[in-house]
Amino acid sequence: MAQGAGTRMEIAARTGLSGDVVDAALEHLQRMGRIVSEQLSSGCPDEGCGTCPSGKSDGSAGCGSSGARGPVLLRLSQRPEGPPDSAEKV
């Protein structure tokens, strides 16, 4: 990510890792607080399809979406100062 990979697929291609491994690594980095996941405003509304301008009156998706899925930003966070935690020791 620090070298500019823009998608999970691009990270996998650049590193030679499988998509499942990249997904697991990104989830682990999120739990550690090293990356932050943020829903982008162009994605589906948090309240669901019923509040979306293209949503149907019954609350289902009018855009063909199977659910609340939209682009998500994964932002690198600052590394905490101080000694490395035990998970970083080799």
N, C-alpha and C. Protein backbone atom coordinates (compact mmCIF):
# COMPACT_ATOMS: atom_id res chain seq x y z
N MET A 1 0.83 -1.19 0.00
CA MET A 1 0.00 0.00 0.00
C MET A 1 0.87 1.25 0.00
N ALA A 2 1.96 1.24 0.75
CA ALA A 2 2.82 2.41 0.83
C ALA A 2 3.44 2.73 -0.53
N GLN A 3 3.60 1.74 -1.40
CA GLN A 3 4.16 1.95 -2.73
C GLN A 3 3.09 2.25 -3.77
N GLY A 4 1.85 2.46 -3.37
CA GLY A 4 0.82 2.92 -4.28
C GLY A 4 -0.11 1.88 -4.85
N ALA A 5 -0.15 0.68 -4.33
CA ALA A 5 -1.12 -0.31 -4.80
C ALA A 5 -2.51 0.20 -4.43
N GLY A 6 -3.41 0.25 -5.42
CA GLY A 6 -4.71 0.86 -5.19
C GLY A 6 -5.83 -0.10 -4.84
N THR A 7 -5.66 -1.38 -5.09
CA THR A 7 -6.71 -2.35 -4.82
C THR A 7 -6.12 -3.60 -4.19
N ARG A 8 -7.00 -4.42 -3.63
CA ARG A 8 -6.55 -5.70 -3.07
C ARG A 8 -5.95 -6.57 -4.16
N MET A 9 -6.56 -6.54 -5.35
CA MET A 9 -6.04 -7.34 -6.46
C MET A 9 -4.65 -6.85 -6.88
N GLU A 10 -4.44 -5.55 -6.85
CA GLU A 10 -3.13 -5.00 -7.21
C GLU A 10 -2.08 -5.38 -6.17
N ILE A 11 -2.46 -5.37 -4.90
CA ILE A 11 -1.54 -5.81 -3.85
C ILE A 11 -1.15 -7.26 -4.09
N ALA A 12 -2.14 -8.11 -4.39
CA ALA A 12 -1.86 -9.52 -4.65
C ALA A 12 -0.93 -9.68 -5.85
N ALA A 13 -1.17 -8.94 -6.92
CA ALA A 13 -0.35 -9.05 -8.12
C ALA A 13 1.09 -8.60 -7.86
N ARG A 14 1.25 -7.51 -7.13
CA ARG A 14 2.59 -6.98 -6.87
C ARG A 14 3.39 -7.86 -5.91
N THR A 15 2.68 -8.51 -4.98
CA THR A 15 3.38 -9.31 -3.97
C THR A 15 3.47 -10.79 -4.32
N GLY A 16 2.64 -11.24 -5.26
CA GLY A 16 2.60 -12.66 -5.59
C GLY A 16 1.81 -13.49 -4.59
N LEU A 17 1.09 -12.82 -3.68
CA LEU A 17 0.28 -13.52 -2.69
C LEU A 17 -1.11 -13.78 -3.25
N SER A 18 -1.78 -14.80 -2.72
CA SER A 18 -3.16 -15.07 -3.15
C SER A 18 -4.08 -14.00 -2.56
N GLY A 19 -5.26 -13.84 -3.17
CA GLY A 19 -6.23 -12.87 -2.69
C GLY A 19 -6.65 -13.14 -1.26
N ASP A 20 -6.78 -14.43 -0.89
CA ASP A 20 -7.17 -14.78 0.48
C ASP A 20 -6.12 -14.33 1.49
N VAL A 21 -4.84 -14.48 1.13
CA VAL A 21 -3.76 -14.08 2.02
C VAL A 21 -3.75 -12.56 2.17
N VAL A 22 -3.95 -11.84 1.06
CA VAL A 22 -4.00 -10.37 1.11
C VAL A 22 -5.16 -9.93 1.99
N ASP A 23 -6.34 -10.54 1.82
CA ASP A 23 -7.50 -10.19 2.65
C ASP A 23 -7.20 -10.41 4.12
N ALA A 24 -6.60 -11.56 4.45
CA ALA A 24 -6.27 -11.87 5.85
C ALA A 24 -5.26 -10.87 6.40
N ALA A 25 -4.27 -10.51 5.59
CA ALA A 25 -3.25 -9.56 6.04
C ALA A 25 -3.85 -8.19 6.29
N LEU A 26 -4.73 -7.73 5.38
CA LEU A 26 -5.35 -6.43 5.56
C LEU A 26 -6.27 -6.41 6.78
N GLU A 27 -7.00 -7.49 7.02
CA GLU A 27 -7.85 -7.58 8.21
C GLU A 27 -7.00 -7.54 9.47
N HIS A 28 -5.85 -8.22 9.45
CA HIS A 28 -4.96 -8.22 10.61
C HIS A 28 -4.40 -6.81 10.85
N LEU A 29 -4.00 -6.12 9.78
CA LEU A 29 -3.49 -4.76 9.92
C LEU A 29 -4.56 -3.82 10.45
N GLN A 30 -5.83 -4.04 10.09
CA GLN A 30 -6.92 -3.24 10.64
C GLN A 30 -7.05 -3.48 12.14
N ARG A 31 -7.02 -4.75 12.56
CA ARG A 31 -7.14 -5.06 13.99
C ARG A 31 -6.00 -4.44 14.79
N MET A 32 -4.80 -4.38 14.18
CA MET A 32 -3.63 -3.80 14.85
C MET A 32 -3.66 -2.27 14.84
N GLY A 33 -4.58 -1.69 14.08
CA GLY A 33 -4.66 -0.24 13.99
C GLY A 33 -3.67 0.36 13.00
N ARG A 34 -3.03 -0.46 12.18
CA ARG A 34 -2.05 0.04 11.21
C ARG A 34 -2.71 0.61 9.96
N ILE A 35 -3.91 0.13 9.63
CA ILE A 35 -4.69 0.72 8.56
C ILE A 35 -6.10 0.96 9.07
N VAL A 36 -6.76 1.94 8.49
CA VAL A 36 -8.11 2.31 8.89
C VAL A 36 -9.01 2.18 7.68
N SER A 37 -10.15 1.54 7.84
CA SER A 37 -11.12 1.37 6.77
C SER A 37 -12.18 2.45 6.89
N GLU A 38 -12.42 3.18 5.78
CA GLU A 38 -13.41 4.26 5.77
C GLU A 38 -14.32 4.09 4.57
N GLN A 39 -15.63 4.10 4.79
CA GLN A 39 -16.60 4.03 3.70
C GLN A 39 -16.54 5.34 2.92
N LEU A 40 -16.41 5.27 1.61
CA LEU A 40 -16.40 6.47 0.79
C LEU A 40 -17.82 6.93 0.52
N SER A 41 -18.00 8.21 0.35
CA SER A 41 -19.35 8.76 0.21
C SER A 41 -20.07 8.31 -1.05
N SER A 42 -19.35 7.80 -2.03
CA SER A 42 -20.02 7.36 -3.25
C SER A 42 -20.61 5.97 -3.13
N GLY A 43 -20.40 5.32 -1.99
CA GLY A 43 -20.95 3.99 -1.77
C GLY A 43 -22.40 4.04 -1.35
N CYS A 44 -22.92 2.92 -0.96
CA CYS A 44 -24.31 2.83 -0.52
C CYS A 44 -24.48 3.55 0.82
N PRO A 45 -25.68 4.09 1.08
CA PRO A 45 -25.92 4.77 2.36
C PRO A 45 -25.90 3.77 3.52
N ASP A 46 -25.44 4.24 4.68
CA ASP A 46 -25.38 3.39 5.87
C ASP A 46 -26.75 2.88 6.28
N GLU A 47 -27.80 3.66 6.00
CA GLU A 47 -29.15 3.29 6.42
C GLU A 47 -29.78 2.24 5.51
N GLY A 48 -29.10 1.89 4.45
CA GLY A 48 -29.61 0.84 3.56
C GLY A 48 -30.25 1.39 2.31
N CYS A 49 -30.72 0.48 1.49
CA CYS A 49 -31.25 0.81 0.17
C CYS A 49 -32.50 1.69 0.22
N GLY A 50 -33.28 1.58 1.28
CA GLY A 50 -34.52 2.36 1.37
C GLY A 50 -34.29 3.85 1.43
N THR A 51 -33.10 4.28 1.86
CA THR A 51 -32.79 5.71 1.93
C THR A 51 -32.03 6.20 0.71
N CYS A 52 -31.71 5.31 -0.21
CA CYS A 52 -30.96 5.67 -1.42
C CYS A 52 -31.92 6.23 -2.47
N PRO A 53 -31.51 7.25 -3.23
CA PRO A 53 -32.38 7.78 -4.28
C PRO A 53 -32.80 6.73 -5.31
N SER A 54 -31.97 5.71 -5.54
CA SER A 54 -32.35 4.67 -6.50
C SER A 54 -33.04 3.49 -5.84
N GLY A 55 -33.22 3.54 -4.51
CA GLY A 55 -33.86 2.44 -3.80
C GLY A 55 -35.35 2.34 -4.11
N LYS A 56 -35.86 1.12 -4.08
CA LYS A 56 -37.29 0.88 -4.34
C LYS A 56 -38.09 1.19 -3.08
N SER A 57 -39.38 1.36 -3.25
CA SER A 57 -40.24 1.71 -2.12
C SER A 57 -40.29 0.63 -1.05
N ASP A 58 -40.03 -0.63 -1.43
CA ASP A 58 -40.03 -1.71 -0.44
C ASP A 58 -38.70 -1.83 0.30
N GLY A 59 -37.77 -0.90 0.02
CA GLY A 59 -36.48 -0.90 0.70
C GLY A 59 -35.41 -1.72 0.01
N SER A 60 -35.74 -2.36 -1.10
CA SER A 60 -34.74 -3.15 -1.81
C SER A 60 -33.94 -2.27 -2.77
N ALA A 61 -32.84 -2.80 -3.26
CA ALA A 61 -31.96 -2.03 -4.15
C ALA A 61 -32.62 -1.80 -5.50
N GLY A 62 -32.55 -0.58 -5.98
CA GLY A 62 -33.06 -0.26 -7.30
C GLY A 62 -31.95 -0.18 -8.32
N CYS A 63 -30.72 -0.33 -7.87
CA CYS A 63 -29.57 -0.19 -8.76
C CYS A 63 -29.02 -1.54 -9.20
N GLY A 64 -29.59 -2.62 -8.70
CA GLY A 64 -29.08 -3.94 -9.04
C GLY A 64 -28.09 -4.47 -8.03
N SER A 65 -27.77 -3.68 -7.02
CA SER A 65 -26.83 -4.11 -5.99
C SER A 65 -27.46 -5.19 -5.13
N SER A 66 -26.62 -6.11 -4.68
CA SER A 66 -27.12 -7.17 -3.80
C SER A 66 -27.10 -6.76 -2.34
N GLY A 67 -26.63 -5.58 -2.04
CA GLY A 67 -26.58 -5.11 -0.66
C GLY A 67 -25.73 -3.87 -0.54
N ALA A 68 -25.47 -3.47 0.68
CA ALA A 68 -24.70 -2.25 0.94
C ALA A 68 -23.22 -2.50 0.69
N ARG A 69 -22.83 -2.39 -0.55
CA ARG A 69 -21.43 -2.58 -0.91
C ARG A 69 -21.00 -1.36 -1.71
N GLY A 70 -19.93 -0.78 -1.34
CA GLY A 70 -19.42 0.37 -2.06
C GLY A 70 -17.93 0.46 -1.86
N PRO A 71 -17.32 1.45 -2.48
CA PRO A 71 -15.87 1.58 -2.33
C PRO A 71 -15.50 1.91 -0.89
N VAL A 72 -14.39 1.34 -0.46
CA VAL A 72 -13.88 1.55 0.89
C VAL A 72 -12.43 1.99 0.79
N LEU A 73 -12.07 3.02 1.53
CA LEU A 73 -10.70 3.51 1.57
C LEU A 73 -9.97 2.80 2.70
N LEU A 74 -8.79 2.23 2.42
CA LEU A 74 -7.92 1.70 3.45
C LEU A 74 -6.77 2.68 3.59
N ARG A 75 -6.72 3.39 4.71
CA ARG A 75 -5.75 4.45 4.94
C ARG A 75 -4.69 3.96 5.91
N LEU A 76 -3.40 4.13 5.55
CA LEU A 76 -2.32 3.79 6.46
C LEU A 76 -2.36 4.73 7.65
N SER A 77 -2.16 4.20 8.84
CA SER A 77 -2.14 5.03 10.04
C SER A 77 -0.70 5.23 10.49
N GLN A 78 -0.49 6.18 11.39
CA GLN A 78 0.84 6.43 11.94
C GLN A 78 1.25 5.27 12.82
N ARG A 79 2.49 4.90 12.74
CA ARG A 79 3.02 3.87 13.61
C ARG A 79 3.18 4.46 15.01
N PRO A 80 2.71 3.76 16.04
CA PRO A 80 2.85 4.30 17.40
C PRO A 80 4.33 4.40 17.78
N GLU A 81 4.66 5.46 18.52
CA GLU A 81 6.04 5.63 18.96
C GLU A 81 6.30 4.77 20.17
N GLY A 82 7.55 4.42 20.37
CA GLY A 82 7.92 3.59 21.50
C GLY A 82 8.43 2.25 21.04
N PRO A 83 8.71 1.37 21.99
CA PRO A 83 9.25 0.05 21.63
C PRO A 83 8.21 -0.77 20.87
N PRO A 84 8.66 -1.61 19.95
CA PRO A 84 7.71 -2.46 19.21
C PRO A 84 7.02 -3.43 20.15
N ASP A 85 5.76 -3.76 19.83
CA ASP A 85 5.04 -4.72 20.66
C ASP A 85 5.55 -6.13 20.37
N SER A 86 5.12 -7.07 21.16
CA SER A 86 5.62 -8.45 21.05
C SER A 86 5.27 -9.09 19.72
N ALA A 87 4.20 -8.64 19.06
CA ALA A 87 3.81 -9.22 17.77
C ALA A 87 4.79 -8.85 16.67
N GLU A 88 5.56 -7.76 16.85
CA GLU A 88 6.49 -7.32 15.83
C GLU A 88 7.86 -7.94 16.00
N LYS A 89 8.16 -8.52 17.14
CA LYS A 89 9.48 -9.09 17.39
C LYS A 89 9.65 -10.37 16.60
N VAL A 90 10.83 -10.55 16.06
CA VAL A 90 11.10 -11.75 15.26
C VAL A 90 12.01 -12.67 16.02
